[in-house]
N, C-alpha and C. Protein backbone atom coordinates (compact mmCIF):
# COMPACT_ATOMS: atom_id res chain seq x y z
N SER A 1 -41.22 23.23 -45.04
CA SER A 1 -41.21 22.52 -45.74
C SER A 1 -41.33 22.58 -46.99
N GLY A 2 -41.09 23.61 -47.17
CA GLY A 2 -41.14 24.13 -49.08
C GLY A 2 -42.44 23.78 -49.71
N GLU A 3 -43.78 23.80 -49.21
CA GLU A 3 -44.72 23.08 -49.92
C GLU A 3 -45.87 24.75 -49.45
N TRP A 4 -46.54 24.87 -50.33
CA TRP A 4 -47.68 26.01 -50.51
C TRP A 4 -48.82 25.39 -49.51
N SER A 5 -49.19 26.34 -48.58
CA SER A 5 -50.67 26.13 -47.93
C SER A 5 -51.37 27.07 -48.41
N SER A 6 -52.69 26.81 -47.95
CA SER A 6 -53.95 27.83 -48.07
C SER A 6 -54.23 28.23 -46.79
N SER A 7 -54.17 29.41 -46.76
CA SER A 7 -54.29 30.66 -45.35
C SER A 7 -55.75 30.67 -45.08
N LEU A 8 -56.34 30.68 -44.03
CA LEU A 8 -57.64 30.80 -43.46
C LEU A 8 -58.17 32.18 -44.03
N GLN A 9 -58.93 32.20 -44.73
CA GLN A 9 -59.86 33.65 -45.14
C GLN A 9 -60.86 34.07 -43.91
N VAL A 10 -60.20 35.40 -43.52
CA VAL A 10 -61.23 36.00 -42.51
C VAL A 10 -62.41 36.47 -43.17
N ALA A 11 -63.01 37.04 -42.28
CA ALA A 11 -64.34 37.74 -43.02
C ALA A 11 -64.17 39.00 -44.00
N ALA A 12 -63.44 39.92 -42.75
CA ALA A 12 -62.99 41.11 -43.69
C ALA A 12 -61.77 40.95 -44.43
N ASN A 13 -61.55 40.84 -45.86
CA ASN A 13 -60.48 40.68 -46.49
C ASN A 13 -60.87 41.46 -48.02
N PRO A 14 -59.93 41.93 -48.62
CA PRO A 14 -60.06 42.53 -49.83
C PRO A 14 -60.86 41.88 -51.00
N GLY A 15 -61.16 40.80 -50.87
CA GLY A 15 -61.71 40.19 -51.84
C GLY A 15 -61.06 39.80 -53.24
N SER A 16 -61.94 39.31 -54.36
CA SER A 16 -61.26 38.81 -55.40
C SER A 16 -60.85 39.89 -56.31
N ARG A 17 -59.57 39.88 -56.98
CA ARG A 17 -58.94 41.00 -57.49
C ARG A 17 -57.64 40.30 -58.40
N GLN A 18 -57.40 41.10 -59.59
CA GLN A 18 -55.95 40.63 -60.07
C GLN A 18 -55.39 42.10 -60.57
N HIS A 19 -53.85 41.81 -60.68
CA HIS A 19 -53.26 43.32 -61.22
C HIS A 19 -53.11 44.29 -60.28
N HIS A 20 -53.34 44.10 -58.87
CA HIS A 20 -53.54 44.65 -57.62
C HIS A 20 -51.79 45.10 -57.75
N ALA A 21 -51.25 45.87 -56.46
CA ALA A 21 -50.29 46.36 -55.83
C ALA A 21 -49.86 46.26 -54.60
N SER A 22 -49.07 45.44 -53.91
CA SER A 22 -48.85 45.30 -52.78
C SER A 22 -47.24 45.62 -52.44
N VAL A 23 -46.87 45.68 -50.91
CA VAL A 23 -45.82 45.93 -50.52
C VAL A 23 -45.47 46.13 -49.06
N GLN A 24 -44.31 45.17 -48.62
CA GLN A 24 -44.39 44.96 -47.19
C GLN A 24 -43.24 45.93 -46.49
N ILE A 25 -43.48 46.34 -45.38
CA ILE A 25 -43.04 47.33 -44.45
C ILE A 25 -43.08 46.62 -42.97
N GLN A 26 -41.74 45.85 -42.61
CA GLN A 26 -42.07 45.29 -41.32
C GLN A 26 -43.30 44.33 -41.42
N ASP A 27 -43.90 44.16 -40.10
CA ASP A 27 -44.87 43.32 -40.32
C ASP A 27 -46.20 43.56 -40.86
N THR A 28 -46.09 44.50 -42.04
CA THR A 28 -47.43 45.07 -42.59
C THR A 28 -47.35 44.40 -43.91
N VAL A 29 -48.20 44.07 -44.43
CA VAL A 29 -48.02 44.07 -46.02
C VAL A 29 -49.71 45.20 -46.65
N TRP A 30 -49.26 46.08 -47.24
CA TRP A 30 -50.29 46.77 -47.70
C TRP A 30 -50.54 47.00 -49.10
N LEU A 31 -51.89 46.74 -49.29
CA LEU A 31 -52.19 46.22 -50.70
C LEU A 31 -53.34 47.41 -51.28
N HIS A 32 -53.19 47.84 -52.59
CA HIS A 32 -53.72 48.69 -53.14
C HIS A 32 -54.46 48.40 -54.71
N GLY A 33 -55.87 48.98 -55.17
CA GLY A 33 -56.02 49.00 -56.39
C GLY A 33 -56.48 47.56 -56.88
N GLY A 34 -56.55 47.51 -58.45
CA GLY A 34 -56.81 46.05 -58.73
C GLY A 34 -57.86 46.22 -59.76
N PHE A 35 -58.05 45.13 -60.18
CA PHE A 35 -59.48 44.86 -61.14
C PHE A 35 -60.19 43.67 -60.67
N ASP A 36 -61.68 43.86 -60.65
CA ASP A 36 -62.13 42.59 -59.98
C ASP A 36 -62.89 41.95 -60.89
N GLY A 37 -62.57 41.96 -62.25
CA GLY A 37 -63.50 41.44 -63.61
C GLY A 37 -64.40 42.21 -64.00
N VAL A 38 -65.00 43.57 -63.23
CA VAL A 38 -65.90 44.23 -63.56
C VAL A 38 -65.63 45.94 -63.80
N GLN A 39 -64.78 46.26 -62.79
CA GLN A 39 -64.48 47.50 -62.97
C GLN A 39 -62.87 47.58 -61.92
N HIS A 40 -62.05 48.79 -62.18
CA HIS A 40 -60.72 48.95 -61.41
C HIS A 40 -61.14 49.45 -60.00
N MET A 41 -60.28 49.29 -59.06
CA MET A 41 -60.53 49.65 -57.86
C MET A 41 -59.35 50.47 -57.44
N ASN A 42 -59.63 51.22 -56.17
CA ASN A 42 -58.90 52.21 -55.52
C ASN A 42 -59.13 52.30 -54.10
N ASP A 43 -59.36 51.13 -53.58
CA ASP A 43 -59.22 50.89 -52.25
C ASP A 43 -57.72 50.26 -51.63
N THR A 44 -57.74 50.64 -50.46
CA THR A 44 -56.21 50.17 -49.84
C THR A 44 -56.82 49.38 -48.46
N TRP A 45 -55.68 48.58 -48.54
CA TRP A 45 -56.00 47.54 -47.29
C TRP A 45 -54.80 47.40 -46.93
N LYS A 46 -54.77 46.94 -45.73
CA LYS A 46 -53.07 46.48 -44.71
C LYS A 46 -53.08 45.03 -44.04
N LEU A 47 -52.69 44.13 -44.52
CA LEU A 47 -52.58 42.95 -43.48
C LEU A 47 -51.73 42.89 -42.11
N ASP A 48 -52.11 42.76 -41.23
CA ASP A 48 -50.96 42.45 -39.79
C ASP A 48 -50.31 40.97 -40.30
N LEU A 49 -49.04 40.67 -40.05
CA LEU A 49 -48.80 39.33 -40.28
C LEU A 49 -48.30 38.77 -39.20
N VAL A 50 -48.63 39.52 -38.35
CA VAL A 50 -48.60 38.52 -36.71
C VAL A 50 -50.05 38.22 -36.35
N THR A 51 -51.27 39.03 -36.79
CA THR A 51 -52.56 38.06 -36.49
C THR A 51 -53.29 37.79 -37.80
N SER A 52 -52.59 38.02 -38.48
CA SER A 52 -53.20 37.60 -40.27
C SER A 52 -54.66 38.48 -40.21
N LYS A 53 -54.84 39.40 -39.70
CA LYS A 53 -55.77 40.36 -39.67
C LYS A 53 -55.72 41.46 -40.64
N TRP A 54 -56.76 41.69 -41.73
CA TRP A 54 -57.19 42.78 -42.73
C TRP A 54 -57.67 43.91 -42.14
N THR A 55 -57.22 45.13 -42.41
CA THR A 55 -58.16 46.29 -42.02
C THR A 55 -58.08 47.25 -43.68
N LYS A 56 -59.31 47.69 -43.31
CA LYS A 56 -59.45 48.56 -44.93
C LYS A 56 -59.03 50.05 -44.14
N ILE A 57 -58.47 50.89 -45.25
CA ILE A 57 -57.80 52.16 -44.76
C ILE A 57 -59.24 53.06 -45.18
N ALA A 58 -59.36 53.60 -44.47
CA ALA A 58 -60.70 55.06 -44.52
C ALA A 58 -59.86 55.66 -45.95
N LYS A 59 -61.23 56.18 -46.62
CA LYS A 59 -60.72 57.21 -47.63
C LYS A 59 -61.09 58.46 -47.22
N ASN A 60 -59.57 59.42 -47.73
CA ASN A 60 -59.48 60.95 -47.21
C ASN A 60 -60.36 61.67 -48.90
N GLU A 61 -61.64 61.91 -48.16
CA GLU A 61 -62.47 62.68 -48.87
C GLU A 61 -62.06 64.02 -49.67
N THR A 62 -60.94 64.40 -49.45
CA THR A 62 -60.18 65.38 -50.10
C THR A 62 -59.05 65.24 -51.04
N CYS A 63 -58.88 63.54 -50.94
CA CYS A 63 -57.92 63.18 -51.91
C CYS A 63 -58.06 61.83 -52.07
N VAL A 64 -59.12 61.49 -53.07
CA VAL A 64 -59.64 60.13 -53.09
C VAL A 64 -58.56 59.53 -54.59
N PRO A 65 -57.90 58.80 -54.17
CA PRO A 65 -57.14 57.88 -55.15
C PRO A 65 -57.99 57.54 -56.54
N ASP A 66 -57.61 57.58 -57.72
CA ASP A 66 -58.18 57.06 -59.02
C ASP A 66 -58.08 55.49 -58.83
N ALA A 67 -59.15 55.08 -59.69
CA ALA A 67 -59.05 53.43 -59.73
C ALA A 67 -57.89 53.13 -60.69
N VAL A 68 -57.16 52.13 -60.23
CA VAL A 68 -55.99 51.76 -60.99
C VAL A 68 -55.93 50.17 -61.12
N SER A 69 -55.20 49.66 -61.90
CA SER A 69 -54.70 48.33 -61.86
C SER A 69 -53.45 48.51 -62.41
N HIS A 70 -52.51 47.29 -62.36
CA HIS A 70 -51.24 47.56 -63.31
C HIS A 70 -50.40 48.31 -62.79
N HIS A 71 -50.37 48.58 -61.52
CA HIS A 71 -49.31 49.72 -61.01
C HIS A 71 -48.38 48.96 -60.01
N MET A 72 -47.62 49.79 -59.29
CA MET A 72 -46.70 49.36 -58.58
C MET A 72 -46.91 50.19 -57.07
N LEU A 73 -46.20 49.60 -55.89
CA LEU A 73 -46.29 50.20 -54.59
C LEU A 73 -44.78 50.24 -54.35
N HIS A 74 -44.44 51.24 -53.62
CA HIS A 74 -42.79 51.43 -53.59
C HIS A 74 -43.02 52.11 -52.30
N ALA A 75 -41.84 51.34 -51.08
CA ALA A 75 -41.43 51.82 -49.95
C ALA A 75 -40.78 52.74 -50.24
N CYS A 76 -40.73 54.05 -49.41
CA CYS A 76 -40.09 55.28 -49.67
C CYS A 76 -39.12 55.16 -48.22
N PRO A 77 -37.91 55.70 -48.31
CA PRO A 77 -36.88 55.89 -47.02
C PRO A 77 -37.65 56.55 -45.87
N ASP A 78 -38.49 57.68 -46.11
CA ASP A 78 -39.37 58.20 -45.04
C ASP A 78 -40.20 57.44 -44.41
N GLY A 79 -40.57 56.63 -44.88
CA GLY A 79 -41.98 55.37 -44.57
C GLY A 79 -43.01 55.79 -44.99
N GLY A 80 -42.89 56.24 -46.28
CA GLY A 80 -44.30 56.41 -46.85
C GLY A 80 -44.34 55.15 -48.22
N ILE A 81 -45.36 55.73 -48.82
CA ILE A 81 -45.53 54.46 -49.93
C ILE A 81 -45.78 55.16 -51.28
N LEU A 82 -45.17 55.19 -52.40
CA LEU A 82 -45.31 55.76 -53.38
C LEU A 82 -46.04 54.56 -54.32
N ARG A 83 -47.14 55.28 -55.06
CA ARG A 83 -47.89 54.38 -56.29
C ARG A 83 -47.44 54.84 -57.14
N ILE A 84 -46.96 54.08 -58.06
CA ILE A 84 -46.30 54.64 -59.68
C ILE A 84 -46.90 53.82 -60.69
N GLY A 85 -47.38 54.53 -61.94
CA GLY A 85 -47.51 54.28 -63.04
C GLY A 85 -49.24 53.55 -63.01
N GLY A 86 -49.31 52.71 -63.81
CA GLY A 86 -50.68 51.92 -63.67
C GLY A 86 -51.82 52.39 -64.62
N GLU A 87 -52.80 51.69 -64.81
CA GLU A 87 -53.86 52.05 -66.04
C GLU A 87 -54.97 52.38 -64.78
N ALA A 88 -55.49 53.66 -65.48
CA ALA A 88 -56.54 54.09 -64.70
C ALA A 88 -57.84 53.19 -65.41
N SER A 89 -58.97 54.20 -64.73
CA SER A 89 -60.19 53.29 -64.81
C SER A 89 -60.58 53.00 -66.28
N SER A 90 -60.31 53.80 -67.06
CA SER A 90 -60.97 53.13 -68.77
C SER A 90 -60.07 51.76 -69.10
N GLY A 91 -59.13 51.30 -68.73
CA GLY A 91 -58.33 50.06 -69.06
C GLY A 91 -57.37 50.31 -70.20
N SER A 92 -56.82 51.50 -70.42
CA SER A 92 -56.16 51.40 -71.77
C SER A 92 -54.51 51.67 -71.09
N HIS A 93 -53.64 51.30 -71.90
CA HIS A 93 -52.35 51.47 -71.31
C HIS A 93 -51.84 52.66 -71.50
N SER A 94 -52.71 53.64 -72.46
CA SER A 94 -52.19 54.99 -72.57
C SER A 94 -52.88 55.78 -71.55
N ASP A 95 -54.07 55.36 -70.89
CA ASP A 95 -54.74 56.17 -69.88
C ASP A 95 -53.68 55.81 -68.49
N GLN A 96 -52.68 56.75 -68.14
CA GLN A 96 -51.78 56.71 -66.88
C GLN A 96 -52.49 57.00 -66.09
N ALA A 97 -52.11 56.43 -64.62
CA ALA A 97 -52.81 56.81 -63.46
C ALA A 97 -52.23 57.70 -62.84
N GLN A 98 -52.61 58.86 -61.54
CA GLN A 98 -51.60 59.63 -61.06
C GLN A 98 -50.84 59.10 -60.27
N LEU A 99 -49.54 59.70 -60.21
CA LEU A 99 -48.63 59.44 -59.28
C LEU A 99 -48.84 59.77 -57.81
N MET A 100 -49.10 58.95 -56.65
CA MET A 100 -49.44 59.58 -55.06
C MET A 100 -48.72 58.81 -54.61
N LYS A 101 -48.94 59.32 -53.20
CA LYS A 101 -48.17 58.78 -52.01
C LYS A 101 -49.04 58.68 -50.54
N LEU A 102 -48.75 57.21 -50.13
CA LEU A 102 -49.58 56.96 -48.78
C LEU A 102 -48.75 57.53 -47.86
N ASP A 103 -49.43 58.31 -46.84
CA ASP A 103 -48.78 58.87 -45.60
C ASP A 103 -48.99 57.38 -44.60
N LEU A 104 -47.66 56.90 -43.89
CA LEU A 104 -48.21 55.83 -42.97
C LEU A 104 -48.61 56.32 -41.73
N VAL A 105 -48.31 57.60 -41.39
CA VAL A 105 -48.85 57.85 -39.67
C VAL A 105 -50.39 58.31 -40.01
N THR A 106 -50.66 59.13 -40.95
CA THR A 106 -52.13 59.56 -40.90
C THR A 106 -52.88 58.69 -42.01
N GLN A 107 -52.13 57.74 -42.96
CA GLN A 107 -53.07 56.73 -43.58
C GLN A 107 -53.63 57.61 -44.86
N GLU A 108 -53.51 58.59 -45.21
CA GLU A 108 -54.23 59.08 -46.21
C GLU A 108 -53.15 59.30 -47.59
N TRP A 109 -54.13 59.30 -48.73
CA TRP A 109 -53.19 59.44 -49.90
C TRP A 109 -53.37 60.88 -50.30
N SER A 110 -51.72 61.33 -51.15
CA SER A 110 -51.97 62.50 -51.25
C SER A 110 -51.36 62.52 -53.08
N ASN A 111 -51.80 63.66 -53.94
CA ASN A 111 -51.06 63.52 -55.05
C ASN A 111 -49.28 64.26 -54.94
N VAL A 112 -48.78 63.54 -56.00
CA VAL A 112 -47.72 64.09 -56.27
C VAL A 112 -47.25 65.03 -57.19
N GLN A 113 -47.33 65.87 -56.66
CA GLN A 113 -47.85 67.30 -57.98
C GLN A 113 -46.85 67.23 -59.07
N SER A 114 -45.32 66.89 -58.82
CA SER A 114 -44.17 66.83 -59.74
C SER A 114 -43.48 65.78 -59.50
N CYS A 115 -42.55 65.33 -60.56
CA CYS A 115 -41.37 64.45 -60.50
C CYS A 115 -40.26 64.72 -61.55
N ASP A 116 -39.54 65.20 -61.59
CA ASP A 116 -39.06 65.90 -62.84
C ASP A 116 -38.08 64.42 -63.43
N GLY A 117 -38.60 64.37 -64.75
CA GLY A 117 -38.14 63.40 -65.58
C GLY A 117 -38.62 61.67 -65.34
N LEU A 118 -39.47 61.65 -64.69
CA LEU A 118 -40.21 60.52 -64.41
C LEU A 118 -41.06 60.10 -65.24
N ALA A 119 -41.20 59.30 -66.12
CA ALA A 119 -42.43 58.77 -67.16
C ALA A 119 -42.88 57.54 -66.50
N THR A 120 -43.93 57.58 -66.21
CA THR A 120 -44.53 56.79 -65.81
C THR A 120 -45.56 55.64 -66.61
N ALA A 121 -45.42 54.08 -66.52
CA ALA A 121 -46.53 53.33 -67.37
C ALA A 121 -47.19 52.15 -66.60
N SER A 122 -47.60 51.26 -67.33
CA SER A 122 -48.45 50.55 -66.68
C SER A 122 -47.59 49.33 -66.77
N ASP A 123 -47.73 48.07 -65.64
CA ASP A 123 -46.83 47.13 -65.69
C ASP A 123 -45.58 47.12 -66.01
N MET A 124 -44.82 48.23 -65.09
CA MET A 124 -43.78 48.45 -64.83
C MET A 124 -42.90 47.52 -64.33
N CYS A 125 -41.58 47.50 -63.67
CA CYS A 125 -41.08 46.95 -62.72
C CYS A 125 -39.97 47.57 -62.07
N CYS A 126 -39.67 47.39 -60.51
CA CYS A 126 -38.94 48.54 -59.93
C CYS A 126 -38.38 47.71 -58.89
N ALA A 127 -37.07 48.01 -58.62
CA ALA A 127 -36.08 47.36 -57.62
C ALA A 127 -35.28 48.50 -56.91
N TYR A 128 -34.64 48.14 -55.81
CA TYR A 128 -33.87 49.54 -55.02
C TYR A 128 -32.63 48.89 -55.11
N LEU A 129 -31.92 49.89 -55.34
CA LEU A 129 -30.03 49.59 -55.57
C LEU A 129 -29.43 50.24 -54.54
N PRO A 130 -29.21 49.50 -53.25
CA PRO A 130 -28.53 50.50 -51.94
C PRO A 130 -26.99 50.75 -52.44
N GLY A 131 -26.35 50.14 -53.40
CA GLY A 131 -25.01 50.65 -53.72
C GLY A 131 -25.05 52.17 -54.74
N MET A 132 -25.93 52.58 -55.05
CA MET A 132 -25.97 54.00 -55.86
C MET A 132 -26.12 55.00 -54.46
N THR A 133 -25.53 56.16 -54.90
CA THR A 133 -25.44 57.06 -53.84
C THR A 133 -27.15 57.40 -53.19
N SER A 134 -27.04 57.23 -51.97
CA SER A 134 -28.12 57.60 -51.19
C SER A 134 -29.12 56.40 -51.43
N GLY A 135 -29.03 55.55 -52.21
CA GLY A 135 -29.74 54.68 -52.38
C GLY A 135 -30.80 55.01 -53.67
N ARG A 136 -31.12 54.07 -54.71
CA ARG A 136 -31.93 54.75 -55.71
C ARG A 136 -33.05 53.44 -56.20
N THR A 137 -34.05 54.08 -56.52
CA THR A 137 -35.26 53.20 -56.88
C THR A 137 -35.27 53.03 -58.44
N MET A 138 -34.86 51.94 -59.03
CA MET A 138 -34.85 51.82 -60.64
C MET A 138 -36.31 51.19 -60.81
N LEU A 139 -36.62 51.78 -62.10
CA LEU A 139 -37.90 51.29 -62.69
C LEU A 139 -37.61 51.08 -64.04
N PHE A 140 -38.22 50.27 -64.50
CA PHE A 140 -37.87 49.39 -66.06
C PHE A 140 -39.21 49.30 -66.68
N GLY A 141 -39.27 49.53 -68.03
CA GLY A 141 -40.05 48.80 -68.99
C GLY A 141 -41.54 49.15 -68.71
N GLY A 142 -42.60 48.45 -69.06
CA GLY A 142 -44.25 48.63 -68.90
C GLY A 142 -44.38 49.16 -70.16
N TRP A 143 -46.09 49.39 -70.54
CA TRP A 143 -46.44 49.84 -71.57
C TRP A 143 -46.41 51.12 -71.59
N ASP A 144 -45.94 51.69 -72.75
CA ASP A 144 -46.06 53.18 -73.21
C ASP A 144 -46.76 53.44 -74.43
N GLY A 145 -47.90 53.46 -74.23
CA GLY A 145 -49.34 53.32 -75.29
C GLY A 145 -49.59 51.82 -75.51
N PRO A 146 -49.07 51.73 -76.95
CA PRO A 146 -49.51 50.16 -77.54
C PRO A 146 -48.32 49.55 -77.38
N VAL A 147 -47.21 49.83 -76.95
CA VAL A 147 -45.89 49.04 -77.18
C VAL A 147 -45.15 49.33 -75.90
N PRO A 148 -44.43 48.26 -75.69
CA PRO A 148 -43.54 48.34 -74.36
C PRO A 148 -42.12 49.19 -74.43
N SER A 149 -42.24 49.90 -73.24
CA SER A 149 -40.92 50.41 -73.36
C SER A 149 -39.58 50.00 -72.85
N THR A 150 -38.20 50.35 -73.36
CA THR A 150 -37.46 50.34 -72.92
C THR A 150 -36.38 51.03 -72.08
N GLN A 151 -37.42 51.87 -71.41
CA GLN A 151 -36.61 53.04 -70.74
C GLN A 151 -36.27 52.19 -68.87
N LEU A 152 -35.16 52.64 -68.71
CA LEU A 152 -34.39 52.51 -67.25
C LEU A 152 -34.58 53.86 -66.67
N THR A 153 -35.01 53.86 -65.51
CA THR A 153 -35.21 55.25 -64.91
C THR A 153 -34.83 54.93 -63.54
N SER A 154 -33.90 56.07 -62.79
CA SER A 154 -32.96 56.24 -61.68
C SER A 154 -34.09 57.63 -60.98
N LEU A 155 -34.56 56.73 -59.77
CA LEU A 155 -35.79 57.63 -59.30
C LEU A 155 -35.16 57.71 -57.95
N ASP A 156 -34.94 58.88 -57.42
CA ASP A 156 -34.70 59.72 -56.00
C ASP A 156 -35.93 59.99 -55.01
N THR A 157 -36.44 59.02 -54.27
CA THR A 157 -37.63 59.11 -53.54
C THR A 157 -37.89 60.18 -52.89
N VAL A 158 -36.39 60.40 -52.24
CA VAL A 158 -36.41 61.85 -51.36
C VAL A 158 -36.67 62.90 -52.16
N SER A 159 -36.16 63.23 -53.19
CA SER A 159 -36.15 64.83 -53.76
C SER A 159 -37.01 64.97 -54.62
N MET A 160 -37.76 63.53 -55.15
CA MET A 160 -38.47 63.10 -56.38
C MET A 160 -37.87 63.78 -57.48
N LYS A 161 -36.64 63.23 -57.89
CA LYS A 161 -36.02 63.87 -59.42
C LYS A 161 -35.54 62.52 -59.78
N ALA A 162 -36.24 62.17 -61.17
CA ALA A 162 -35.45 60.85 -61.59
C ALA A 162 -34.83 61.08 -62.84
N ALA A 163 -34.30 60.27 -63.29
CA ALA A 163 -33.09 60.27 -64.64
C ALA A 163 -33.17 59.34 -65.70
N ALA A 164 -33.03 59.32 -66.86
CA ALA A 164 -33.26 58.05 -67.34
C ALA A 164 -31.57 57.71 -67.77
N CYS A 165 -31.57 56.31 -67.63
CA CYS A 165 -30.16 55.67 -67.60
C CYS A 165 -30.12 54.84 -68.91
N ASP A 166 -28.65 55.22 -69.24
CA ASP A 166 -28.32 54.51 -70.60
C ASP A 166 -28.03 52.93 -70.46
N ILE A 167 -28.34 52.14 -71.36
CA ILE A 167 -28.47 50.89 -71.29
C ILE A 167 -27.43 50.28 -72.35
N LEU A 168 -26.57 49.49 -72.08
CA LEU A 168 -25.40 48.91 -73.02
C LEU A 168 -25.80 47.47 -72.92
N CYS A 169 -26.38 47.17 -74.07
CA CYS A 169 -26.78 45.33 -73.86
C CYS A 169 -26.75 44.93 -75.23
N ASP A 170 -26.27 43.33 -75.17
CA ASP A 170 -26.19 42.69 -76.47
C ASP A 170 -27.48 42.81 -77.42
N HIS A 171 -27.19 43.27 -78.55
CA HIS A 171 -28.46 43.60 -79.88
C HIS A 171 -29.05 42.48 -79.64
N THR A 172 -28.68 41.26 -79.25
CA THR A 172 -29.56 39.97 -79.50
C THR A 172 -30.59 39.75 -78.49
N VAL A 173 -30.33 40.78 -77.73
CA VAL A 173 -31.29 40.50 -76.19
C VAL A 173 -32.55 41.78 -76.38
N ARG A 174 -33.65 40.99 -76.43
CA ARG A 174 -34.96 42.08 -76.42
C ARG A 174 -35.25 42.46 -74.96
N LEU A 175 -35.28 44.38 -75.00
CA LEU A 175 -35.70 44.66 -74.07
C LEU A 175 -37.09 45.48 -73.71
N ASP A 176 -37.76 45.48 -74.83
CA ASP A 176 -38.94 46.10 -75.09
C ASP A 176 -40.12 44.98 -74.50
N ARG A 177 -40.12 45.02 -73.33
CA ARG A 177 -41.07 43.99 -72.46
C ARG A 177 -41.86 44.84 -71.35
N ALA A 178 -43.08 44.32 -70.99
CA ALA A 178 -43.72 45.03 -70.17
C ALA A 178 -44.02 43.70 -69.27
N GLY A 179 -44.62 43.65 -67.83
CA GLY A 179 -44.78 42.90 -67.06
C GLY A 179 -43.63 42.10 -66.63
N CYS A 180 -42.69 42.36 -66.66
CA CYS A 180 -41.57 41.55 -66.13
C CYS A 180 -41.43 41.78 -64.96
N SER A 181 -40.10 40.63 -64.27
CA SER A 181 -39.54 41.04 -62.67
C SER A 181 -38.54 41.53 -62.89
N MET A 182 -38.23 42.54 -61.41
CA MET A 182 -36.48 43.07 -61.76
C MET A 182 -36.22 42.72 -60.08
N VAL A 183 -35.07 42.53 -59.93
CA VAL A 183 -34.61 42.15 -58.30
C VAL A 183 -33.28 43.00 -58.35
N SER A 184 -32.65 43.52 -57.04
CA SER A 184 -31.24 43.88 -57.27
C SER A 184 -30.50 42.51 -56.71
N ALA A 185 -29.43 42.69 -57.60
CA ALA A 185 -28.76 41.04 -57.37
C ALA A 185 -27.39 41.56 -56.46
N SER A 186 -27.22 42.71 -56.30
CA SER A 186 -26.12 43.32 -55.57
C SER A 186 -26.25 44.62 -55.47
N ASP A 187 -25.42 45.39 -54.93
CA ASP A 187 -25.42 46.57 -54.65
C ASP A 187 -25.73 47.68 -55.96
N ASP A 188 -25.17 47.03 -57.07
CA ASP A 188 -25.15 47.89 -58.43
C ASP A 188 -25.45 46.98 -59.47
N THR A 189 -26.50 45.60 -59.22
CA THR A 189 -26.76 45.03 -60.68
C THR A 189 -27.93 44.61 -60.42
N LEU A 190 -28.70 44.72 -61.39
CA LEU A 190 -30.13 44.51 -61.70
C LEU A 190 -30.39 43.20 -62.14
N LEU A 191 -31.34 42.37 -61.94
CA LEU A 191 -31.61 41.02 -62.96
C LEU A 191 -33.37 41.07 -63.56
N LEU A 192 -33.54 41.01 -64.56
CA LEU A 192 -34.64 41.08 -65.22
C LEU A 192 -34.93 39.58 -65.53
N TYR A 193 -36.52 39.37 -65.46
CA TYR A 193 -37.33 37.88 -65.61
C TYR A 193 -38.20 38.39 -66.39
N GLY A 194 -38.21 37.46 -67.60
CA GLY A 194 -39.46 37.37 -67.87
C GLY A 194 -40.26 38.57 -68.96
N GLY A 195 -41.79 38.51 -68.99
CA GLY A 195 -42.54 39.98 -69.55
C GLY A 195 -42.78 39.40 -71.18
N TRP A 196 -43.40 40.59 -71.51
CA TRP A 196 -44.11 40.37 -72.62
C TRP A 196 -43.81 41.59 -73.81
N ASP A 197 -43.53 41.42 -75.05
CA ASP A 197 -43.30 42.64 -75.83
C ASP A 197 -44.31 42.95 -76.96
N GLY A 198 -45.35 42.09 -76.25
CA GLY A 198 -47.16 42.55 -77.21
C GLY A 198 -47.16 41.40 -78.34
N VAL A 199 -46.20 40.92 -78.80
CA VAL A 199 -46.30 40.14 -80.28
C VAL A 199 -45.74 38.72 -80.10
N PHE A 200 -44.24 38.51 -79.69
CA PHE A 200 -43.76 37.17 -80.00
C PHE A 200 -44.26 36.30 -78.36
N PRO A 201 -43.81 35.21 -78.32
CA PRO A 201 -44.27 34.28 -77.10
C PRO A 201 -43.78 35.00 -75.63
N ARG A 202 -44.06 35.33 -74.48
CA ARG A 202 -43.67 35.44 -73.36
C ARG A 202 -42.05 35.17 -73.19
N HIS A 203 -41.24 36.26 -72.66
CA HIS A 203 -39.80 35.55 -72.44
C HIS A 203 -39.80 34.94 -71.14
N ASP A 204 -38.63 34.02 -71.32
CA ASP A 204 -38.32 33.40 -70.33
C ASP A 204 -36.78 33.12 -69.90
N ASP A 205 -36.28 34.48 -69.84
CA ASP A 205 -34.85 34.59 -70.10
C ASP A 205 -34.80 35.58 -68.56
N ILE A 206 -33.20 35.45 -68.26
CA ILE A 206 -32.80 36.33 -67.29
C ILE A 206 -31.84 37.43 -68.09
N VAL A 207 -32.11 38.69 -67.92
CA VAL A 207 -31.18 39.47 -68.17
C VAL A 207 -30.53 40.17 -67.15
N LYS A 208 -29.20 40.61 -67.33
CA LYS A 208 -28.57 41.26 -66.46
C LYS A 208 -27.93 43.07 -66.79
N LEU A 209 -28.12 43.56 -65.76
CA LEU A 209 -28.21 44.89 -66.52
C LEU A 209 -27.05 45.65 -65.28
C-alpha cells in the first residue's frame, strides 16, 4: 500500500536511541551502539526479520567494543561486519572510535589492528561498488575534527587496504559535508544526497560521482 505502519514492540528490544548503526544480512538486521540521550552505547543486537524477534549479543569480555555513535556498520564479503568511524564516549568529533570487526559465527568483536590508508571519521557514508576490481567499499565525508571532510576512500575489506580517490567535480558543488547518504547507482557510479557542512543550511542536492 506504500504506507508506513507501526510494528509491534516486543518486551526485549534495543530500547530508545539515536545515531546508532545497522546493517542487513539476509534475514537478519544487526544493530550496534548509539546514544540514548545520556550516554553512548556499545551493545549489539540482531533482529530476525522472519520472527520479528530481537536478540542481544553477549559481550566478549576479552574485547569489549568502546561505546560509539555516528558510526557505520558494513557487511564484508567474508561474512563479518566492520564497524567504521564514529564518535567515542566523549561525544567529540575528533574522538574517533576504534575500527572493529564482528565475527558472525562466534558473534564476538575484535579490534582491527591496522588498515593501511584508512582515515575514519564520524557521520561518514558508505556504498559498495560491484563494478570495481573484486568490488570495493567506498567511504565518503564525515567530520574530520570540527570541519567535514571531502575525502573519498576505496576500501578492500578482504586485504584491509584503503586508498584515497581523486574527485573531479564542478567547483560550484560543495563536497565538504557530513551526515549525507550515498548509494551505488551502477557498477561504477555513486550518488550522494544531502548532508551538512557545519555552517550553511543542510544540503538538498544529489551529487553524482
